[in-house]
Amino acid sequence: LHASSGLTRNFVKKPSFFALQWLRERLGNYRFVRAIDRRPGKPWRFEFADVADPSKRVLAIWDPVKVGTAEARQVEVGVPGRPIRAERLSLEAETPVPGEIGHGTVGLGARGYPVLVWFELED
């Protein structure tokens, strides 16, 4: 039997467990709206809407590359609303890593981990 798949190994949580836990805690009340960008070689951007208040949105951005091979860079947020905050997944830290939003861009780390940007739609 193949032993490398799954979220645990010998009852020890693997990095995939913590990544899914982080996503579930942040996107549990949100539903997928659309894929904004999925071009090869570019950061992917997916939009999610809050079930209770669809004006509240989250943009998930990440480089779909092998961990550690991405370059740290600024990526255009490009949402029709006001960014409120950003947070980056970290498998090395116990607490969330705040993301920096500046002039319509957000920083992607060199690890290739996703960044979530919370925003509200403008009327």
C-alpha atoms as a PDB file:
ATOM      1  CA  LEU A   1       0.000   0.000   0.000  1.00  0.00           C
ATOM      2  CA  HIS A   2       1.266   3.471  -0.915  1.00  0.00           C
ATOM      3  CA  ALA A   3       2.123   5.327   2.317  1.00  0.00           C
ATOM      4  CA  SER A   4       2.987   8.829   1.077  1.00  0.00           C
ATOM      5  CA  SER A   5      -0.523  10.127   0.408  1.00  0.00           C
ATOM      6  CA  GLY A   6      -2.905  11.576   2.954  1.00  0.00           C
ATOM      7  CA  LEU A   7      -2.752  14.161   5.700  1.00  0.00           C
ATOM      8  CA  THR A   8      -0.931  12.108   8.322  1.00  0.00           C
ATOM      9  CA  ARG A   9       1.749   9.456   8.439  1.00  0.00           C
ATOM     10  CA  ASN A  10       1.940   7.131  11.427  1.00  0.00           C
ATOM     11  CA  PHE A  11      -0.520   9.482  13.181  1.00  0.00           C
ATOM     12  CA  VAL A  12       1.828  12.457  12.686  1.00  0.00           C
ATOM     13  CA  LYS A  13       0.386  15.477  10.869  1.00  0.00           C
ATOM     14  CA  LYS A  14       2.084  16.243   7.546  1.00  0.00           C
ATOM     15  CA  PRO A  15       2.480  19.759   6.044  1.00  0.00           C
ATOM     16  CA  SER A  16      -0.585  19.120   3.862  1.00  0.00           C
ATOM     17  CA  PHE A  17      -2.666  18.782   7.055  1.00  0.00           C
ATOM     18  CA  PHE A  18      -1.647  22.264   8.225  1.00  0.00           C
ATOM     19  CA  ALA A  19      -2.195  23.782   4.760  1.00  0.00           C
ATOM     20  CA  LEU A  20      -5.728  22.384   4.567  1.00  0.00           C
ATOM     21  CA  GLN A  21      -6.440  23.417   8.151  1.00  0.00           C
ATOM     22  CA  TRP A  22      -5.344  26.993   7.355  1.00  0.00           C
ATOM     23  CA  LEU A  23      -7.508  27.121   4.216  1.00  0.00           C
ATOM     24  CA  ARG A  24     -10.536  25.618   5.960  1.00  0.00           C
ATOM     25  CA  GLU A  25     -10.337  28.057   8.887  1.00  0.00           C
ATOM     26  CA  ARG A  26     -10.185  31.050   6.551  1.00  0.00           C
ATOM     27  CA  LEU A  27     -12.430  29.964   3.660  1.00  0.00           C
ATOM     28  CA  GLY A  28     -14.971  27.795   5.531  1.00  0.00           C
ATOM     29  CA  ASN A  29     -17.800  30.339   5.136  1.00  0.00           C
ATOM     30  CA  TYR A  30     -16.826  31.281   1.591  1.00  0.00           C
ATOM     31  CA  ARG A  31     -17.745  29.707  -1.741  1.00  0.00           C
ATOM     32  CA  PHE A  32     -15.818  29.673  -5.017  1.00  0.00           C
ATOM     33  CA  VAL A  33     -16.910  32.419  -7.437  1.00  0.00           C
ATOM     34  CA  ARG A  34     -14.434  32.331 -10.324  1.00  0.00           C
ATOM     35  CA  ALA A  35     -10.910  31.745 -11.508  1.00  0.00           C
ATOM     36  CA  ILE A  36      -9.528  35.162 -12.401  1.00  0.00           C
ATOM     37  CA  ASP A  37      -6.173  33.984 -13.725  1.00  0.00           C
ATOM     38  CA  ARG A  38      -4.757  30.506 -14.394  1.00  0.00           C
ATOM     39  CA  ARG A  39      -2.132  31.192 -17.037  1.00  0.00           C
ATOM     40  CA  PRO A  40       0.978  28.991 -17.053  1.00  0.00           C
ATOM     41  CA  GLY A  41       3.979  30.713 -15.507  1.00  0.00           C
ATOM     42  CA  LYS A  42       1.838  33.365 -13.783  1.00  0.00           C
ATOM     43  CA  PRO A  43       0.415  33.486 -10.248  1.00  0.00           C
ATOM     44  CA  TRP A  44      -3.075  31.987 -10.074  1.00  0.00           C
ATOM     45  CA  ARG A  45      -5.916  34.110  -8.656  1.00  0.00           C
ATOM     46  CA  PHE A  46      -9.235  32.626  -7.462  1.00  0.00           C
ATOM     47  CA  GLU A  47     -12.136  34.605  -5.976  1.00  0.00           C
ATOM     48  CA  PHE A  48     -14.411  33.428  -3.138  1.00  0.00           C
ATOM     49  CA  ALA A  49     -17.584  35.063  -1.682  1.00  0.00           C
ATOM     50  CA  ASP A  50     -18.930  34.939   1.870  1.00  0.00           C
ATOM     51  CA  VAL A  51     -22.142  32.887   2.019  1.00  0.00           C
ATOM     52  CA  ALA A  52     -23.871  35.240   4.482  1.00  0.00           C
ATOM     53  CA  ASP A  53     -22.679  38.489   2.844  1.00  0.00           C
ATOM     54  CA  PRO A  54     -21.611  38.132  -0.817  1.00  0.00           C
ATOM     55  CA  SER A  55     -20.099  41.642  -0.798  1.00  0.00           C
ATOM     56  CA  LYS A  56     -17.312  40.218   1.392  1.00  0.00           C
ATOM     57  CA  ARG A  57     -14.753  38.466  -0.794  1.00  0.00           C
ATOM     58  CA  VAL A  58     -11.429  36.682  -0.551  1.00  0.00           C
ATOM     59  CA  LEU A  59      -8.873  36.461  -3.333  1.00  0.00           C
ATOM     60  CA  ALA A  60      -6.530  33.450  -3.178  1.00  0.00           C
ATOM     61  CA  ILE A  61      -3.219  34.046  -4.983  1.00  0.00           C
ATOM     62  CA  TRP A  62      -0.313  31.647  -5.378  1.00  0.00           C
ATOM     63  CA  ASP A  63       2.422  30.483  -7.721  1.00  0.00           C
ATOM     64  CA  PRO A  64       1.695  26.882  -8.770  1.00  0.00           C
ATOM     65  CA  VAL A  65       5.350  25.878  -8.615  1.00  0.00           C
ATOM     66  CA  LYS A  66       7.476  23.531  -6.579  1.00  0.00           C
ATOM     67  CA  VAL A  67       7.888  24.929  -3.058  1.00  0.00           C
ATOM     68  CA  GLY A  68      11.037  27.007  -2.776  1.00  0.00           C
ATOM     69  CA  THR A  69      11.416  27.655  -6.500  1.00  0.00           C
ATOM     70  CA  ALA A  70       9.178  30.724  -6.758  1.00  0.00           C
ATOM     71  CA  GLU A  71      10.644  34.206  -6.682  1.00  0.00           C
ATOM     72  CA  ALA A  72       9.466  36.729  -4.099  1.00  0.00           C
ATOM     73  CA  ARG A  73       7.556  39.408  -5.978  1.00  0.00           C
ATOM     74  CA  GLN A  74       4.674  41.838  -5.906  1.00  0.00           C
ATOM     75  CA  VAL A  75       1.493  40.692  -7.666  1.00  0.00           C
ATOM     76  CA  GLU A  76      -1.413  42.872  -8.762  1.00  0.00           C
ATOM     77  CA  VAL A  77      -4.486  42.224  -6.621  1.00  0.00           C
ATOM     78  CA  GLY A  78      -6.850  43.436  -9.362  1.00  0.00           C
ATOM     79  CA  VAL A  79     -10.169  43.193  -7.518  1.00  0.00           C
ATOM     80  CA  PRO A  80     -13.236  45.407  -7.948  1.00  0.00           C
ATOM     81  CA  GLY A  81     -13.186  46.524  -4.347  1.00  0.00           C
ATOM     82  CA  ARG A  82     -11.202  47.761  -1.375  1.00  0.00           C
ATOM     83  CA  PRO A  83      -8.572  45.347  -0.004  1.00  0.00           C
ATOM     84  CA  ILE A  84      -8.873  45.046   3.792  1.00  0.00           C
ATOM     85  CA  ARG A  85      -6.119  42.656   4.839  1.00  0.00           C
ATOM     86  CA  ALA A  86      -3.880  39.889   3.551  1.00  0.00           C
ATOM     87  CA  GLU A  87      -2.438  36.754   5.107  1.00  0.00           C
ATOM     88  CA  ARG A  88       0.097  34.192   3.863  1.00  0.00           C
ATOM     89  CA  LEU A  89       0.272  30.505   4.679  1.00  0.00           C
ATOM     90  CA  SER A  90       3.330  29.497   6.622  1.00  0.00           C
ATOM     91  CA  LEU A  91       4.129  25.927   7.548  1.00  0.00           C
ATOM     92  CA  GLU A  92       7.043  27.141   9.644  1.00  0.00           C
ATOM     93  CA  ALA A  93       5.136  29.539  11.932  1.00  0.00           C
ATOM     94  CA  GLU A  94       2.354  28.800  14.406  1.00  0.00           C
ATOM     95  CA  THR A  95       0.669  32.150  13.792  1.00  0.00           C
ATOM     96  CA  PRO A  96      -0.547  33.523  10.449  1.00  0.00           C
ATOM     97  CA  VAL A  97       1.884  35.669   8.484  1.00  0.00           C
ATOM     98  CA  PRO A  98       0.341  39.049   7.636  1.00  0.00           C
ATOM     99  CA  GLY A  99       0.624  40.067   4.012  1.00  0.00           C
ATOM    100  CA  GLU A 100       1.423  43.586   2.927  1.00  0.00           C
ATOM    101  CA  ILE A 101      -0.976  45.290   0.539  1.00  0.00           C
ATOM    102  CA  GLY A 102       0.365  48.354  -1.189  1.00  0.00           C
ATOM    103  CA  HIS A 103      -1.041  50.359  -4.092  1.00  0.00           C
ATOM    104  CA  GLY A 104      -3.075  47.473  -5.494  1.00  0.00           C
ATOM    105  CA  THR A 105      -0.381  44.823  -5.082  1.00  0.00           C
ATOM    106  CA  VAL A 106       0.384  42.090  -2.565  1.00  0.00           C
ATOM    107  CA  GLY A 107       3.712  40.408  -1.900  1.00  0.00           C
ATOM    108  CA  LEU A 108       4.138  36.726  -2.694  1.00  0.00           C
ATOM    109  CA  GLY A 109       6.900  35.026  -0.763  1.00  0.00           C
ATOM    110  CA  ALA A 110       9.589  32.913  -2.365  1.00  0.00           C
ATOM    111  CA  ARG A 111       8.112  29.686  -0.980  1.00  0.00           C
ATOM    112  CA  GLY A 112       5.149  29.507  -3.383  1.00  0.00           C
ATOM    113  CA  TYR A 113       2.613  29.411  -0.522  1.00  0.00           C
ATOM    114  CA  PRO A 114      -0.825  30.981  -1.071  1.00  0.00           C
ATOM    115  CA  VAL A 115      -1.768  34.485   0.009  1.00  0.00           C
ATOM    116  CA  LEU A 116      -5.369  35.357   0.883  1.00  0.00           C
ATOM    117  CA  VAL A 117      -6.605  38.928   0.383  1.00  0.00           C
ATOM    118  CA  TRP A 118      -9.889  39.942   2.029  1.00  0.00           C
ATOM    119  CA  PHE A 119     -11.821  42.738   0.293  1.00  0.00           C
ATOM    120  CA  GLU A 120     -15.297  44.242   0.032  1.00  0.00           C
ATOM    121  CA  LEU A 121     -17.017  44.956  -3.264  1.00  0.00           C
ATOM    122  CA  GLU A 122     -17.563  48.618  -4.021  1.00  0.00           C
ATOM    123  CA  ASP A 123     -21.113  49.787  -4.668  1.00  0.00           C
END
